[in-house]
C-alpha atoms as a PDB file:
ATOM      1  CA  UNK A   1       0.000   0.000   0.000  1.00  0.00           C
ATOM      2  CA  UNK A   2       1.189   3.467  -0.871  1.00  0.00           C
ATOM      3  CA  UNK A   3       1.807   6.071   1.697  1.00  0.00           C
ATOM      4  CA  UNK A   4      -1.068   8.572   1.922  1.00  0.00           C
ATOM      5  CA  UNK A   5       1.132  11.533   1.012  1.00  0.00           C
ATOM      6  CA  UNK A   6       2.646   9.693  -1.931  1.00  0.00           C
ATOM      7  CA  UNK A   7      -0.735   8.793  -3.392  1.00  0.00           C
ATOM      8  CA  UNK A   8      -1.906  12.414  -3.171  1.00  0.00           C
ATOM      9  CA  UNK A   9       1.303  13.579  -4.836  1.00  0.00           C
ATOM     10  CA  UNK A  10       0.905  11.096  -7.654  1.00  0.00           C
ATOM     11  CA  UNK A  11      -2.732  11.989  -8.105  1.00  0.00           C
ATOM     12  CA  UNK A  12      -2.402  15.802  -8.045  1.00  0.00           C
ATOM     13  CA  UNK A  13       1.186  16.671  -8.929  1.00  0.00           C
ATOM     14  CA  UNK A  14       2.188  13.986 -11.399  1.00  0.00           C
ATOM     15  CA  UNK A  15      -0.172  15.155 -14.194  1.00  0.00           C
ATOM     16  CA  UNK A  16       1.432  18.607 -14.001  1.00  0.00           C
ATOM     17  CA  UNK A  17       5.002  17.342 -13.910  1.00  0.00           C
ATOM     18  CA  UNK A  18       4.782  14.819 -16.750  1.00  0.00           C
ATOM     19  CA  UNK A  19       5.086  16.126 -20.303  1.00  0.00           C
ATOM     20  CA  UNK A  20       1.820  16.183 -22.256  1.00  0.00           C
ATOM     21  CA  UNK A  21       1.062  13.422 -24.727  1.00  0.00           C
ATOM     22  CA  UNK A  22       2.659  13.951 -28.182  1.00  0.00           C
ATOM     23  CA  UNK A  23      -0.525  14.965 -30.079  1.00  0.00           C
ATOM     24  CA  UNK A  24      -1.441  17.600 -27.479  1.00  0.00           C
ATOM     25  CA  UNK A  25       2.133  18.890 -27.398  1.00  0.00           C
ATOM     26  CA  UNK A  26       2.223  19.093 -31.206  1.00  0.00           C
ATOM     27  CA  UNK A  27      -1.143  20.869 -31.338  1.00  0.00           C
ATOM     28  CA  UNK A  28      -0.089  23.393 -28.677  1.00  0.00           C
ATOM     29  CA  UNK A  29       3.236  23.956 -30.407  1.00  0.00           C
ATOM     30  CA  UNK A  30       1.465  24.501 -33.753  1.00  0.00           C
ATOM     31  CA  UNK A  31      -1.004  26.943 -32.176  1.00  0.00           C
ATOM     32  CA  UNK A  32       1.831  28.895 -30.550  1.00  0.00           C
ATOM     33  CA  UNK A  33       3.760  29.010 -33.826  1.00  0.00           C
ATOM     34  CA  UNK A  34       0.648  30.252 -35.640  1.00  0.00           C
ATOM     35  CA  UNK A  35       0.032  32.940 -33.039  1.00  0.00           C
ATOM     36  CA  UNK A  36       3.690  33.960 -33.174  1.00  0.00           C
ATOM     37  CA  UNK A  37       3.438  34.299 -36.965  1.00  0.00           C
ATOM     38  CA  UNK A  38       0.275  36.410 -36.625  1.00  0.00           C
ATOM     39  CA  UNK A  39       1.945  38.621 -34.029  1.00  0.00           C
ATOM     40  CA  UNK A  40       5.025  39.040 -36.250  1.00  0.00           C
ATOM     41  CA  UNK A  41       2.828  39.949 -39.233  1.00  0.00           C
ATOM     42  CA  UNK A  42       0.883  42.478 -37.169  1.00  0.00           C
ATOM     43  CA  UNK A  43       4.123  43.911 -35.813  1.00  0.00           C
ATOM     44  CA  UNK A  44       5.558  44.242 -39.333  1.00  0.00           C
ATOM     45  CA  UNK A  45       2.378  46.025 -40.487  1.00  0.00           C
ATOM     46  CA  UNK A  46       2.598  48.340 -37.487  1.00  0.00           C
ATOM     47  CA  UNK A  47       6.238  49.127 -38.232  1.00  0.00           C
ATOM     48  CA  UNK A  48       5.402  49.818 -41.884  1.00  0.00           C
ATOM     49  CA  UNK A  49       2.465  52.068 -41.043  1.00  0.00           C
ATOM     50  CA  UNK A  50       4.522  53.895 -38.408  1.00  0.00           C
ATOM     51  CA  UNK A  51       7.302  54.501 -40.919  1.00  0.00           C
ATOM     52  CA  UNK A  52       4.807  55.756 -43.513  1.00  0.00           C
ATOM     53  CA  UNK A  53       3.192  58.026 -40.933  1.00  0.00           C
ATOM     54  CA  UNK A  54       6.579  59.396 -39.851  1.00  0.00           C
ATOM     55  CA  UNK A  55       7.528  60.099 -43.476  1.00  0.00           C
ATOM     56  CA  UNK A  56       4.140  61.708 -44.086  1.00  0.00           C
ATOM     57  CA  UNK A  57       4.516  63.909 -41.012  1.00  0.00           C
ATOM     58  CA  UNK A  58       8.015  64.910 -42.059  1.00  0.00           C
ATOM     59  CA  UNK A  59       6.746  65.901 -45.510  1.00  0.00           C
ATOM     60  CA  UNK A  60       3.848  67.823 -43.949  1.00  0.00           C
ATOM     61  CA  UNK A  61       6.225  69.563 -41.543  1.00  0.00           C
ATOM     62  CA  UNK A  62       8.431  70.599 -44.479  1.00  0.00           C
ATOM     63  CA  UNK A  63       5.399  71.887 -46.393  1.00  0.00           C
ATOM     64  CA  UNK A  64       4.260  73.926 -43.374  1.00  0.00           C
ATOM     65  CA  UNK A  65       7.775  75.316 -42.936  1.00  0.00           C
ATOM     66  CA  UNK A  66       7.877  76.355 -46.597  1.00  0.00           C
ATOM     67  CA  UNK A  67       4.447  77.980 -46.293  1.00  0.00           C
ATOM     68  CA  UNK A  68       5.545  79.887 -43.185  1.00  0.00           C
ATOM     69  CA  UNK A  69       8.612  81.166 -45.023  1.00  0.00           C
ATOM     70  CA  UNK A  70       6.424  82.252 -47.944  1.00  0.00           C
ATOM     71  CA  UNK A  71       4.040  84.058 -45.575  1.00  0.00           C
ATOM     72  CA  UNK A  72       6.995  85.809 -43.935  1.00  0.00           C
ATOM     73  CA  UNK A  73       8.290  86.921 -47.366  1.00  0.00           C
ATOM     74  CA  UNK A  74       4.845  88.215 -48.343  1.00  0.00           C
ATOM     75  CA  UNK A  75       4.464  90.065 -45.033  1.00  0.00           C
ATOM     76  CA  UNK A  76       7.887  91.609 -45.484  1.00  0.00           C
ATOM     77  CA  UNK A  77       6.824  92.798 -48.946  1.00  0.00           C
ATOM     78  CA  UNK A  78       3.559  94.209 -47.555  1.00  0.00           C
ATOM     79  CA  UNK A  79       5.406  96.049 -44.798  1.00  0.00           C
ATOM     80  CA  UNK A  80       7.899  97.447 -47.296  1.00  0.00           C
ATOM     81  CA  UNK A  81       5.053  98.575 -49.552  1.00  0.00           C
ATOM     82  CA  UNK A  82       3.279 100.190 -46.578  1.00  0.00           C
ATOM     83  CA  UNK A  83       6.470 102.080 -45.694  1.00  0.00           C
ATOM     84  CA  UNK A  84       6.869 103.255 -49.282  1.00  0.00           C
ATOM     85  CA  UNK A  85       3.217 104.324 -49.400  1.00  0.00           C
ATOM     86  CA  UNK A  86       3.549 106.202 -46.099  1.00  0.00           C
ATOM     87  CA  UNK A  87       6.641 108.021 -47.393  1.00  0.00           C
ATOM     88  CA  UNK A  88       4.806 108.879 -50.621  1.00  0.00           C
ATOM     89  CA  UNK A  89       1.789 110.248 -48.688  1.00  0.00           C
ATOM     90  CA  UNK A  90       4.092 112.341 -46.493  1.00  0.00           C
ATOM     91  CA  UNK A  91       5.826 113.650 -49.596  1.00  0.00           C
ATOM     92  CA  UNK A  92       2.526 114.495 -51.314  1.00  0.00           C
ATOM     93  CA  UNK A  93       1.183 116.033 -48.113  1.00  0.00           C
ATOM     94  CA  UNK A  94       4.318 118.182 -47.884  1.00  0.00           C
ATOM     95  CA  UNK A  95       3.927 119.295 -51.502  1.00  0.00           C
ATOM     96  CA  UNK A  96       0.243 120.149 -50.951  1.00  0.00           C
ATOM     97  CA  UNK A  97       1.126 122.183 -47.867  1.00  0.00           C
ATOM     98  CA  UNK A  98       3.827 123.969 -49.868  1.00  0.00           C
ATOM     99  CA  UNK A  99       1.325 124.790 -52.592  1.00  0.00           C
ATOM    100  CA  UNK A 100      -1.167 126.053 -50.024  1.00  0.00           C
ATOM    101  CA  UNK A 101       1.442 128.352 -48.549  1.00  0.00           C
ATOM    102  CA  UNK A 102       2.396 129.604 -51.993  1.00  0.00           C
ATOM    103  CA  UNK A 103      -1.147 130.578 -52.998  1.00  0.00           C
ATOM    104  CA  UNK A 104      -2.458 133.969 -52.012  1.00  0.00           C
ATOM    105  CA  UNK A 105      -4.908 133.855 -49.178  1.00  0.00           C
ATOM    106  CA  UNK A 106      -8.413 134.660 -50.274  1.00  0.00           C
ATOM    107  CA  UNK A 107     -11.056 135.607 -47.795  1.00  0.00           C
ATOM    108  CA  UNK A 108     -14.553 134.288 -48.295  1.00  0.00           C
ATOM    109  CA  UNK A 109     -16.087 137.459 -47.017  1.00  0.00           C
ATOM    110  CA  UNK A 110     -13.582 139.854 -48.465  1.00  0.00           C
ATOM    111  CA  UNK A 111     -14.120 142.325 -51.242  1.00  0.00           C
ATOM    112  CA  UNK A 112     -15.113 141.019 -54.601  1.00  0.00           C
ATOM    113  CA  UNK A 113     -12.851 142.331 -57.392  1.00  0.00           C
ATOM    114  CA  UNK A 114     -15.779 142.390 -59.875  1.00  0.00           C
ATOM    115  CA  UNK A 115     -17.963 144.741 -57.777  1.00  0.00           C
END
């Protein structure tokens, strides 16, 4: 007769210690290999999409940078044109004031030369 502790060990521990039968082991191994292949495929797709996204973002960043430079050039041109226009107005205003000073002053209520 077996010792009581030994029988319990054989009944409960032995199934966990012994390797599984060959068909079960093969099936489990095949399932794990299949899952590993699926995971590798998904990982490769993720890497590819991440690379494409990174390249796309880099291209978009470059396009935005170029647009910002173009906007800065246009603004610089607008500012320069505003400065030129302001100088021109000041020049014209100065000429008009000079002409006003050069004209004889006529009174609205003064004597009329034709009377």
